[in-house]
Protein backbone atom coordinates (compact mmCIF):
# COMPACT_ATOMS: atom_id res chain seq x y z
CA MET A 1 0.00 0.00 0.00
CA GLU A 2 1.25 3.48 -0.83
CA PRO A 3 2.24 5.43 2.31
CA MET A 4 -0.65 7.34 3.87
CA LYS A 5 0.07 10.99 4.51
CA THR A 6 -1.44 14.40 4.89
CA PRO A 7 -0.65 16.99 2.23
CA HIS A 8 2.43 19.13 2.81
CA HIS A 9 1.28 22.71 2.53
CA SER A 10 4.67 24.37 2.02
CA SER A 11 5.08 26.34 -1.16
CA ASP A 12 6.84 24.61 -4.06
CA ALA A 13 9.10 27.62 -4.28
CA GLU A 14 10.28 27.25 -0.71
CA THR A 15 13.94 26.30 -0.60
CA THR A 16 15.83 24.16 1.86
CA ALA A 17 17.59 27.26 3.10
CA ASP A 18 14.23 28.95 3.69
CA ARG A 19 13.00 26.00 5.70
CA ASN A 20 16.18 25.79 7.73
CA ALA A 21 16.28 29.47 8.66
CA PRO A 22 15.47 30.20 12.30
CA ILE A 23 12.06 31.81 11.89
CA SER A 24 9.11 32.16 14.18
CA ALA A 25 5.61 30.98 13.37
CA GLY A 26 4.73 34.48 12.30
CA GLY A 27 7.83 34.82 10.13
CA ALA A 28 9.70 37.17 12.46
CA THR A 29 13.13 36.64 13.97
CA PRO A 30 12.65 34.42 17.01
CA GLN A 31 12.81 35.88 20.48
CA ALA A 32 14.20 34.17 23.53
CA GLY A 33 11.97 31.32 24.67
CA THR A 34 9.98 31.58 27.85
CA GLY A 35 12.32 31.46 30.79
CA SER A 36 15.48 30.93 28.75
CA GLY A 37 16.81 34.44 28.47
CA ALA A 38 18.72 33.41 25.33
CA THR A 39 18.17 31.82 21.96
CA SER A 40 20.44 28.91 22.76
CA GLY A 41 18.24 26.54 20.80
CA VAL A 42 18.15 28.55 17.57
CA ASP A 43 21.40 27.53 15.95
CA GLY A 44 21.85 24.06 17.38
CA HIS A 45 24.71 22.11 15.81
CA ASP A 46 26.57 23.59 12.83
CA GLY A 47 23.97 26.36 12.54
CA ALA A 48 21.07 23.98 11.90
CA ARG A 49 17.83 23.88 13.81
CA PRO A 50 17.59 20.78 15.97
CA ASN A 51 15.59 17.71 15.00
CA ILE A 52 13.17 16.18 17.48
CA VAL A 53 12.37 12.52 18.17
CA PHE A 54 9.65 12.43 20.82
CA ILE A 55 9.03 8.93 22.23
CA LEU A 56 5.84 8.69 24.28
CA THR A 57 4.75 5.54 26.08
CA ASP A 58 1.51 4.74 27.86
CA ASP A 59 1.46 4.17 31.63
CA HIS A 60 5.23 3.73 32.01
CA ALA A 61 6.03 4.43 35.65
CA ALA A 62 9.34 6.11 36.39
CA HIS A 63 10.13 3.40 38.93
CA ALA A 64 10.11 0.85 36.08
CA ILE A 65 13.12 2.49 34.43
CA SER A 66 16.48 1.47 35.81
CA ALA A 67 17.88 5.00 35.34
CA TYR A 68 15.40 6.08 38.02
CA SER A 69 15.45 3.24 40.51
CA GLY A 70 16.94 0.01 39.17
CA ARG A 71 14.73 -1.82 41.62
CA VAL A 72 12.52 -3.99 39.42
CA ASN A 73 13.93 -4.05 35.89
CA SER A 74 16.78 -3.18 33.55
CA THR A 75 16.33 -0.72 30.65
CA PRO A 76 19.80 -0.14 29.19
CA ASN A 77 18.72 1.78 26.09
CA LEU A 78 16.44 4.12 28.01
CA ASP A 79 19.23 4.59 30.52
CA ARG A 80 21.51 5.71 27.67
CA ILE A 81 19.30 8.75 27.09
CA ALA A 82 19.71 9.77 30.72
CA ALA A 83 23.44 8.97 30.79
CA GLN A 84 24.09 10.91 27.59
CA GLY A 85 21.68 13.74 28.42
CA ALA A 86 19.38 14.76 31.26
CA ARG A 87 16.99 13.01 33.62
CA LEU A 88 14.08 14.96 35.11
CA ASP A 89 13.29 13.83 38.63
CA SER A 90 10.27 16.02 39.45
CA LEU A 91 8.12 16.05 36.33
CA TYR A 92 4.42 15.62 37.05
CA CYS A 93 1.27 15.29 34.97
CA THR A 94 -1.61 17.67 35.56
CA ASN A 95 -4.34 15.05 34.97
CA SER A 96 -3.18 11.45 35.29
CA ILE A 97 -5.01 9.70 32.48
CA CYS A 98 -4.20 9.10 28.81
CA THR A 99 -6.31 11.49 26.71
CA PRO A 100 -5.94 14.55 28.94
CA SER A 101 -2.20 14.17 29.35
CA ARG A 102 -1.65 13.73 25.62
CA ALA A 103 -3.71 16.83 24.86
CA THR A 104 -1.68 18.76 27.42
CA ILE A 105 1.67 17.57 26.05
CA LEU A 106 0.72 18.62 22.52
CA SER A 107 -0.82 21.98 23.38
CA GLY A 108 0.86 23.09 26.60
CA THR A 109 -2.55 23.74 28.18
CA TYR A 110 -4.54 22.41 31.12
CA SER A 111 -7.57 20.18 30.60
CA HIS A 112 -10.11 22.92 31.32
CA ILE A 113 -8.55 24.96 28.50
CA ASN A 114 -8.14 22.29 25.79
CA GLY A 115 -11.41 20.51 26.69
CA ALA A 116 -9.97 16.98 26.65
CA ALA A 117 -10.53 16.29 30.33
CA THR A 118 -11.35 12.55 30.27
CA ILE A 119 -10.69 9.51 28.10
CA TYR A 120 -14.18 10.00 26.69
CA SER A 121 -13.24 13.45 25.35
CA GLY A 122 -11.81 14.29 21.95
CA PHE A 123 -9.19 16.85 21.03
CA ASP A 124 -11.03 19.41 18.93
CA TYR A 125 -8.23 21.93 18.28
CA ARG A 126 -9.72 24.81 20.20
CA VAL A 127 -6.01 25.30 20.93
CA ARG A 128 -3.09 24.64 18.59
CA THR A 129 -0.22 22.20 19.11
CA PHE A 130 3.54 22.39 18.95
CA PRO A 131 3.73 20.07 15.88
CA GLN A 132 1.43 22.45 14.01
CA VAL A 133 3.78 25.33 14.79
CA LEU A 134 6.89 23.40 13.77
CA HIS A 135 5.24 22.21 10.55
CA GLU A 136 4.44 25.80 9.61
CA CYS A 137 8.05 26.74 10.32
CA GLY A 138 9.44 24.25 7.82
CA TYR A 139 9.84 21.14 9.93
CA ARG A 140 9.00 17.78 8.40
CA THR A 141 6.59 16.20 10.86
CA ALA A 142 5.22 12.70 11.45
CA LEU A 143 3.29 10.74 14.07
CA PHE A 144 3.07 6.96 14.41
CA GLY A 145 1.31 4.90 17.06
CA LYS A 146 -1.19 5.71 19.79
CA TRP A 147 -3.26 8.87 19.47
CA HIS A 148 -6.27 8.32 21.77
CA LEU A 149 -7.63 11.83 21.29
CA GLY A 150 -10.88 10.97 19.55
CA HIS A 151 -11.84 9.08 16.40
CA GLU A 152 -13.94 11.52 14.40
CA ALA A 153 -12.41 13.37 11.47
CA HIS A 154 -12.22 16.61 13.49
CA ASN A 155 -10.10 14.78 16.09
CA ASP A 156 -7.51 13.54 13.57
CA PRO A 157 -3.88 14.59 13.93
CA GLN A 158 -3.11 17.96 12.36
CA GLY A 159 0.20 19.55 11.48
CA PHE A 160 1.82 16.33 10.27
CA ASP A 161 3.16 15.45 6.84
CA GLU A 162 2.35 11.82 7.58
CA TRP A 163 0.59 9.94 10.36
CA ARG A 164 -0.73 6.49 11.13
CA ILE A 165 -2.47 5.79 14.41
CA TYR A 166 -4.24 3.00 16.26
CA ARG A 167 -7.97 2.70 16.58
CA GLY A 168 -8.62 3.39 20.26
CA GLN A 169 -6.04 1.74 22.47
CA GLY A 170 -4.83 -0.44 19.63
CA GLU A 171 -3.86 -4.10 19.87
CA TYR A 172 -0.50 -5.53 20.83
CA ASN A 173 -0.54 -7.99 17.91
CA ASP A 174 -1.52 -7.18 14.31
CA PRO A 175 -3.05 -3.80 15.21
CA VAL A 176 -5.36 -1.89 12.90
CA MET A 177 -3.96 1.52 12.06
CA TYR A 178 -5.45 4.29 10.02
CA GLY A 179 -4.20 7.36 8.25
CA ILE A 180 -4.86 9.55 5.23
CA ASP A 181 -4.07 8.18 1.77
CA PRO A 182 -2.75 10.37 -1.10
CA ALA A 183 -6.34 11.04 -2.20
CA GLY A 184 -7.18 12.46 1.23
CA GLU A 185 -9.29 9.48 2.36
CA ARG A 186 -9.09 7.90 5.81
CA VAL A 187 -7.85 4.35 5.34
CA ASP A 188 -7.69 1.45 7.82
CA GLU A 189 -5.04 -1.22 7.48
CA VAL A 190 -3.91 -4.17 9.58
CA VAL A 191 -0.21 -3.86 10.33
CA PRO A 192 1.07 -7.41 10.91
CA GLY A 193 3.40 -8.00 13.82
CA TYR A 194 3.99 -6.85 17.38
CA ALA A 195 2.87 -3.25 17.86
CA THR A 196 6.01 -1.95 19.57
CA ASP A 197 8.16 -3.32 16.76
CA THR A 198 5.93 -2.36 13.84
CA VAL A 199 5.36 1.22 14.94
CA THR A 200 9.14 1.57 15.22
CA ASP A 201 9.45 0.19 11.68
CA LEU A 202 6.98 2.79 10.43
CA ALA A 203 8.80 5.62 12.16
CA LEU A 204 12.25 4.64 10.92
CA ASP A 205 10.93 4.05 7.41
CA TRP A 206 9.52 7.58 7.41
CA LEU A 207 12.81 8.95 8.65
CA ASP A 208 14.64 7.06 5.90
CA ARG A 209 12.36 8.48 3.21
CA THR A 210 12.53 11.98 4.67
CA GLN A 211 16.31 11.95 4.74
CA ASP A 212 16.42 10.74 1.12
CA GLU A 213 14.03 13.46 -0.01
CA ASP A 214 15.43 16.42 1.91
CA PRO A 215 18.32 15.68 4.27
CA ASP A 216 18.76 19.32 5.25
CA ALA A 217 15.20 19.92 6.47
CA PRO A 218 14.73 19.62 10.24
CA PHE A 219 12.23 17.02 11.36
CA CYS A 220 9.93 16.33 14.30
CA LEU A 221 9.04 12.64 14.68
CA LEU A 222 6.52 11.52 17.30
CA LEU A 223 6.77 7.81 18.13
CA HIS A 224 3.87 6.85 20.41
CA HIS A 225 3.90 3.32 21.79
CA LYS A 226 0.85 1.45 23.04
CA ALA A 227 2.93 -0.33 25.68
CA PRO A 228 2.96 -0.77 28.58
CA HIS A 229 -0.81 -0.21 28.63
CA ARG A 230 -3.21 -2.80 30.00
CA ASN A 231 -3.55 -5.78 29.26
CA TRP A 232 0.23 -6.11 29.00
CA ILE A 233 0.86 -8.68 26.24
CA PRO A 234 4.63 -9.19 25.84
CA HIS A 235 6.53 -10.33 22.78
CA PRO A 236 7.55 -14.02 23.05
CA ARG A 237 11.23 -13.08 22.80
CA HIS A 238 11.00 -11.67 26.32
CA ALA A 239 9.11 -14.60 27.86
CA ASP A 240 12.03 -15.64 30.06
CA LEU A 241 12.56 -12.25 31.64
CA TYR A 242 11.39 -11.40 35.15
CA PRO A 243 10.24 -14.88 36.19
CA LEU A 244 7.50 -15.24 38.77
CA ASP A 245 8.52 -14.75 42.41
CA SER A 246 11.65 -12.83 41.36
CA ILE A 247 10.14 -9.33 41.25
CA PRO A 248 10.57 -7.28 44.45
CA GLU A 249 7.35 -6.24 46.15
CA PRO A 250 6.78 -2.58 47.03
CA ASP A 251 6.77 -1.73 50.72
CA THR A 252 3.15 -0.57 50.53
CA LEU A 253 1.72 -3.61 48.71
CA PHE A 254 -0.47 -4.42 51.72
CA ASP A 255 -1.49 -0.87 52.60
CA ASP A 256 -4.99 -1.06 54.14
CA HIS A 257 -5.83 2.59 53.20
CA SER A 258 -7.16 3.14 56.71
CA GLY A 259 -5.89 6.72 56.84
CA MET A 260 -7.23 7.73 53.46
CA SER A 261 -10.53 9.33 52.52
CA ARG A 262 -13.62 7.25 51.74
CA ALA A 263 -13.37 8.37 48.11
CA VAL A 264 -9.96 6.76 47.76
CA ARG A 265 -10.83 3.62 49.71
CA ASP A 266 -13.63 2.97 47.21
CA VAL A 267 -11.48 2.92 44.04
CA ARG A 268 -11.39 -0.31 42.02
CA MET A 269 -7.68 -0.68 41.33
CA SER A 270 -6.82 -3.47 43.73
CA ILE A 271 -4.07 -5.94 42.85
CA ALA A 272 -5.95 -8.51 44.93
CA ASP A 273 -9.45 -8.09 43.53
CA ASP A 274 -9.65 -5.94 40.39
CA LEU A 275 -7.16 -7.49 37.99
CA THR A 276 -9.14 -9.73 35.62
CA GLU A 277 -8.47 -13.09 34.03
CA ASN A 278 -7.82 -11.18 30.81
CA ASP A 279 -5.14 -9.16 32.61
CA LEU A 280 -3.47 -12.13 34.27
CA LYS A 281 -3.92 -14.58 31.35
CA GLN A 282 -5.12 -17.38 33.65
CA PRO A 283 -8.08 -18.05 35.93
CA MET A 284 -7.96 -17.52 39.67
CA PRO A 285 -7.22 -20.77 41.54
CA PRO A 286 -10.20 -21.57 43.79
CA GLU A 287 -7.94 -21.99 46.79
CA LEU A 288 -6.97 -18.28 46.59
CA GLU A 289 -10.51 -16.93 46.63
CA GLY A 290 -12.00 -15.31 49.71
CA GLU A 291 -10.84 -12.62 52.13
CA GLU A 292 -8.87 -15.12 54.21
CA HIS A 293 -6.55 -15.70 51.22
CA ARG A 294 -6.15 -12.04 50.30
CA GLU A 295 -2.42 -11.86 51.07
CA ALA A 296 -1.54 -14.94 49.00
CA ARG A 297 -3.80 -13.76 46.19
CA THR A 298 -2.17 -10.33 46.21
CA ARG A 299 1.32 -11.80 45.99
CA ARG A 300 0.34 -14.14 43.13
CA ASN A 301 -1.45 -11.42 41.14
CA TYR A 302 1.37 -8.94 41.66
CA GLN A 303 3.96 -11.29 40.17
CA LEU A 304 1.79 -12.15 37.14
CA TYR A 305 0.92 -8.51 36.49
CA MET A 306 4.44 -7.20 36.92
CA ARG A 307 6.05 -9.93 34.84
CA ASP A 308 3.94 -9.02 31.81
CA TYR A 309 4.17 -5.27 32.43
CA LEU A 310 7.96 -5.35 32.62
CA GLN A 311 8.27 -7.63 29.58
CA THR A 312 6.27 -5.18 27.46
CA ILE A 313 8.69 -2.45 28.58
CA GLN A 314 11.61 -4.55 27.36
CA ALA A 315 10.29 -4.27 23.79
CA ILE A 316 10.15 -0.49 24.24
CA ASP A 317 13.77 -0.55 25.35
CA ASP A 318 14.63 -2.57 22.23
CA SER A 319 12.79 -0.02 20.08
CA THR A 320 14.59 2.88 21.70
CA GLY A 321 17.93 1.21 21.03
CA ARG A 322 16.99 0.91 17.35
CA VAL A 323 16.04 4.60 17.18
CA LEU A 324 19.26 5.74 18.83
CA ALA A 325 21.34 3.51 16.56
CA ASP A 326 19.55 4.82 13.47
CA LEU A 327 20.21 8.44 14.39
CA GLU A 328 23.84 7.68 15.11
CA SER A 329 24.33 5.80 11.84
CA ARG A 330 23.00 8.81 9.92
CA GLY A 331 25.18 11.29 11.78
CA LEU A 332 22.09 12.95 13.24
CA ALA A 333 22.57 12.22 16.92
CA GLU A 334 24.50 15.37 17.83
CA ASN A 335 21.74 17.81 16.92
CA THR A 336 18.65 15.68 17.50
CA ILE A 337 16.64 16.17 20.67
CA VAL A 338 15.52 12.73 21.81
CA VAL A 339 12.80 12.85 24.44
CA TYR A 340 11.56 9.79 26.27
CA THR A 341 8.51 10.20 28.47
CA SER A 342 5.16 8.65 29.40
CA ASP A 343 1.71 10.20 29.54
CA GLN A 344 1.60 9.59 33.30
CA GLY A 345 2.90 7.30 36.00
CA PHE A 346 1.39 4.02 37.16
CA PHE A 347 0.88 2.09 40.37
CA LEU A 348 3.10 -0.99 40.40
CA GLY A 349 1.52 -2.57 43.44
CA ASP A 350 2.12 0.65 45.39
CA HIS A 351 -0.65 0.99 47.99
CA GLY A 352 -1.90 -2.36 46.70
CA TRP A 353 -3.00 -0.79 43.38
CA PHE A 354 -2.50 -0.87 39.64
CA ASP A 355 -3.57 1.91 37.21
CA LYS A 356 -3.18 5.67 37.81
CA ARG A 357 -5.66 8.64 38.13
CA LEU A 358 -4.95 9.51 41.76
CA MET A 359 -2.56 12.19 42.98
CA PHE A 360 -0.19 9.86 44.80
CA ASP A 361 3.34 10.22 43.45
CA GLN A 362 3.57 6.87 41.64
CA SER A 363 0.64 7.98 39.46
CA LEU A 364 1.56 11.66 39.35
CA GLN A 365 5.21 11.43 38.34
CA MET A 366 6.13 11.17 34.67
CA PRO A 367 9.53 9.83 33.65
CA MET A 368 11.38 12.09 31.26
CA MET A 369 14.88 11.86 29.83
CA VAL A 370 16.27 14.16 27.14
CA ARG A 371 19.38 13.68 25.02
CA TRP A 372 20.73 16.54 22.88
CA PRO A 373 24.52 16.29 22.74
CA ALA A 374 24.88 19.69 21.06
CA GLN A 375 23.31 21.45 24.06
CA ILE A 376 22.77 19.16 27.07
CA ALA A 377 25.67 17.91 29.18
CA ALA A 378 25.79 14.16 29.68
CA GLY A 379 24.57 12.93 33.04
CA SER A 380 22.58 16.06 33.89
CA VAL A 381 19.84 15.80 36.51
CA VAL A 382 17.00 18.34 36.72
CA GLU A 383 15.43 18.37 40.17
CA GLU A 384 13.22 21.44 39.76
CA LEU A 385 9.49 20.84 39.67
CA ALA A 386 7.89 20.77 36.21
CA THR A 387 4.72 19.48 34.54
CA ASN A 388 3.57 18.17 31.17
CA VAL A 389 2.17 21.66 30.51
CA ASP A 390 5.81 22.77 30.11
CA LEU A 391 6.82 20.35 27.34
CA ALA A 392 5.43 22.24 24.33
CA ALA A 393 7.12 25.46 25.44
CA THR A 394 10.39 23.62 26.00
CA LEU A 395 10.48 22.07 22.53
CA LEU A 396 9.51 25.30 20.78
CA ASP A 397 12.13 27.21 22.74
CA ALA A 398 14.77 24.63 21.79
CA CYS A 399 13.85 25.17 18.13
CA GLY A 400 14.41 28.91 18.44
CA LEU A 401 10.79 29.96 18.79
CA ASP A 402 9.19 32.13 21.44
CA PRO A 403 6.49 29.84 22.88
CA ASP A 404 4.25 32.73 23.89
CA GLU A 405 4.30 34.15 20.37
CA SER A 406 4.21 30.94 18.35
CA LEU A 407 1.72 29.09 20.60
CA PRO A 408 -0.09 31.89 22.43
CA ASP A 409 -2.58 29.67 24.27
CA GLN A 410 0.13 27.59 25.92
CA GLN A 411 0.48 27.95 29.68
CA GLY A 412 3.87 26.38 30.28
CA ARG A 413 7.37 27.46 31.14
CA SER A 414 10.32 26.37 29.02
CA LEU A 415 12.61 23.92 30.79
CA LEU A 416 15.44 24.60 28.33
CA PRO A 417 17.57 26.69 30.72
CA LEU A 418 17.44 23.84 33.23
CA LEU A 419 18.35 21.30 30.57
CA ASP A 420 21.15 23.16 28.81
CA GLY A 421 22.72 24.60 31.95
CA THR A 422 22.07 28.27 31.14
CA ALA A 423 19.89 28.78 34.24
CA ASP A 424 21.78 30.80 36.83
CA ASP A 425 21.34 30.52 40.58
CA ALA A 426 18.73 33.28 40.59
CA THR A 427 16.66 31.50 37.95
CA ARG A 428 16.83 28.22 39.80
CA GLY A 429 16.07 29.89 43.11
CA ALA A 430 12.97 31.56 41.67
CA TRP A 431 11.72 28.42 39.96
CA PRO A 432 8.15 27.45 41.02
CA ASP A 433 8.03 24.85 43.78
CA ALA A 434 4.33 24.00 43.41
CA MET A 435 2.12 22.45 40.72
CA TYR A 436 -1.62 22.21 40.15
CA TYR A 437 -3.44 18.96 39.43
CA ARG A 438 -7.05 18.17 38.53
CA TYR A 439 -8.69 14.85 37.72
CA TRP A 440 -12.16 15.30 36.19
CA GLU A 441 -13.37 11.75 35.40
CA HIS A 442 -15.44 11.29 38.54
CA GLU A 443 -16.21 7.69 39.52
CA ASP A 444 -15.87 6.25 36.02
CA PRO A 445 -17.52 2.83 35.58
CA SER A 446 -14.29 0.82 35.62
CA HIS A 447 -12.13 2.34 38.35
CA ARG A 448 -14.43 4.58 40.41
CA ALA A 449 -11.68 7.13 40.99
CA PRO A 450 -13.10 10.35 42.45
CA ALA A 451 -12.85 13.80 40.92
CA HIS A 452 -10.30 15.89 42.78
CA TYR A 453 -7.85 18.74 42.53
CA GLY A 454 -4.79 19.61 44.54
CA ILE A 455 -1.37 21.11 44.91
CA ARG A 456 2.00 19.42 45.24
CA THR A 457 4.98 21.36 46.54
CA SER A 458 8.50 20.16 47.18
CA THR A 459 7.46 19.26 50.73
CA HIS A 460 3.69 18.72 50.90
CA LYS A 461 0.61 17.64 49.03
CA LEU A 462 -2.97 18.83 49.59
CA ILE A 463 -5.86 17.11 47.78
CA HIS A 464 -9.55 18.08 47.68
CA TYR A 465 -11.99 15.34 46.69
CA TYR A 466 -14.93 17.59 45.88
CA GLY A 467 -17.24 14.75 44.82
CA ASP A 468 -18.90 15.95 41.59
CA GLY A 469 -18.39 14.92 37.95
CA MET A 470 -19.65 18.29 36.68
CA GLY A 471 -20.85 16.67 33.47
CA ALA A 472 -17.37 15.68 32.29
CA PRO A 473 -17.67 12.91 29.66
CA GLY A 474 -17.69 9.47 31.29
CA SER A 475 -18.19 10.80 34.80
CA SER A 476 -20.81 9.65 37.28
CA ASP A 477 -23.68 11.96 38.21
CA ALA A 478 -23.27 10.99 41.87
CA ILE A 479 -22.43 13.82 44.26
CA ARG A 480 -20.37 12.93 47.32
CA GLU A 481 -19.41 14.65 50.54
CA PRO A 482 -16.21 16.67 50.07
CA GLU A 483 -13.07 15.27 51.68
CA TRP A 484 -9.46 16.40 52.06
CA GLU A 485 -6.11 14.68 52.30
CA MET A 486 -2.72 16.16 53.09
CA TYR A 487 0.66 14.47 53.12
CA ASP A 488 4.13 15.54 54.21
CA VAL A 489 6.11 14.03 51.32
CA VAL A 490 9.44 14.64 53.08
CA ALA A 491 8.62 12.99 56.41
CA ASP A 492 6.19 10.52 54.82
CA PRO A 493 7.36 9.84 51.24
CA ALA A 494 5.16 6.71 50.99
CA GLU A 495 2.12 8.94 51.63
CA LEU A 496 0.62 6.70 54.30
CA THR A 497 -0.43 9.25 56.91
CA ASN A 498 -3.17 11.72 56.06
CA ILE A 499 -2.58 14.82 58.18
CA ALA A 500 -5.31 17.03 56.72
CA ASP A 501 -7.24 17.20 59.98
CA ASP A 502 -4.25 17.10 62.33
CA PRO A 503 -4.29 20.30 64.45
CA GLY A 504 -0.51 20.23 64.52
CA HIS A 505 -0.44 20.86 60.77
CA ALA A 506 -3.27 23.42 60.58
CA VAL A 507 -0.96 26.32 59.70
CA THR A 508 0.62 24.33 56.87
CA ARG A 509 -2.80 23.33 55.56
CA ALA A 510 -4.02 26.93 55.58
CA ASP A 511 -0.96 28.00 53.62
CA LEU A 512 -1.46 25.18 51.11
CA GLU A 513 -5.13 26.07 50.65
CA LYS A 514 -4.12 29.67 49.93
CA ARG A 515 -1.48 28.58 47.43
CA LEU A 516 -3.91 26.16 45.80
CA ALA A 517 -6.39 29.00 45.22
CA GLN A 518 -3.59 31.13 43.77
CA LEU A 519 -2.55 28.38 41.37
CA GLN A 520 -6.13 27.82 40.26
CA ALA A 521 -6.46 31.50 39.47
CA GLU A 522 -3.14 31.56 37.63
CA VAL A 523 -4.09 28.71 35.30
CA GLY A 524 -7.66 29.95 34.77
CA ASP A 525 -9.46 27.21 36.65
CA ARG A 526 -11.95 27.79 39.45
CA PRO A 527 -12.64 26.07 42.76
CA TYR A 528 -15.62 23.81 43.23
CA GLU A 529 -18.45 25.73 44.93
CA GLY A 530 -21.26 23.21 44.68
CA PRO A 531 -23.33 21.78 41.80
CA GLN A 532 -23.94 25.29 40.47
CA THR A 533 -20.21 25.80 39.75
CA PRO A 534 -19.82 26.80 36.07
CA ARG A 535 -18.59 23.92 33.95
CA PRO A 536 -15.92 24.05 31.25
CA GLN A 537 -16.89 23.31 27.66
CA TRP A 538 -15.81 19.71 27.10
CA GLY A 539 -14.11 18.46 23.94
CA ARG A 540 -16.00 16.46 21.35
């Protein structure tokens, strides 16, 4: 089949030199990116604008990357990105679920701005995306893999020369993918093979063709893996890895949630009881059923779940090794920004859970490693707090564009000065130490996670479970009593002791409530004030 692609709208008269000139989206000379104070990303290597390879996985917890912890698995190719570039240790998502996080990464906006607040929402381009900006500035752009931002024509990827994406979550084996054929028609096609491998094939084939056609044009390639999303089907080549009973258990595997709010105690994400036969690939032995066998059942389910989860990650590590080798073989590694991240974190038995959604750190934290030899010193570690809202601004800044001018709706802060070492002590000292989070998909049918918003600082976390779906797509109409949780993440990093109502921490709570209100105002959200609270316009 002839490659499916979207039309390239650049003028036929446009030259390679024109495309490679450091211009802004409006055609003006680029200004310093937000927070950078310099146009360090404009020239890149040998005067060329940098290329971008953005690798996004689904539900890959930072603590399942050996560069972060090394506790449960080994990911040598992912570790290379960190060793040869930078690792971000305090990157958090602003809504821990697939569709919202992906919309935020692309647009640099919060869910209440872009409208894609739940997995039942679509991205309707009320705000633009960083690939659209780069495409208009002469970048060759492509997207392959998981999209999960709606399936109607108005939700299709925009700003790409070529794209092929899964239907919904996609399948691990022989997935159906669709794209736009040369006649402009949407076309479905089964892509034989294992999804992690085949989507890598598609991406590298596009890169090969792009380099043959115009080797001097900068490119932005988005490689979006399905893995390690549920139901965790590994490739047979990894079947011997992480054998049962060899995977370390988290310290909080048997957390009884006694100190948490009712809203959290009611979620359906239990390793013991909510993993299905489809997840575990075998029926539950009768002798493990019943509350009296809960501990043994938890241990058995944890090993089965984690074995498959970690094996799917091993194929991602293989893929990443192929991508790095391809860039190096072409001589492109020096001035190509390689980003590896996930749309959110994931519970790996932490607190006895799987899945994400909640504001506990294992769900909240996103892994992110960035390699750009021309600008980023090997082995860098960024400890400052950041969010997925910042990624669009960072990439545009690195390409010599002012994020506020080229993507005016974006709400992020460029992380480039932290990555390339240009941030001085004053910049680092003034860096924000708090982030705002809001989960809208109230008590969805599968997981029953409550709607909530909150603030995380470098020392504390305050969460308000306000108990109302506010009409967000996929949310329950049930209204619950409001509840609060607060954790001291320095003294209690496992987040086991809720101190929200502890008189000894009343001053800290009052300060956090004040800062939470300030953050809400800064990002254009509003507090919950009862069922009459005005609702955002949701995506379609």
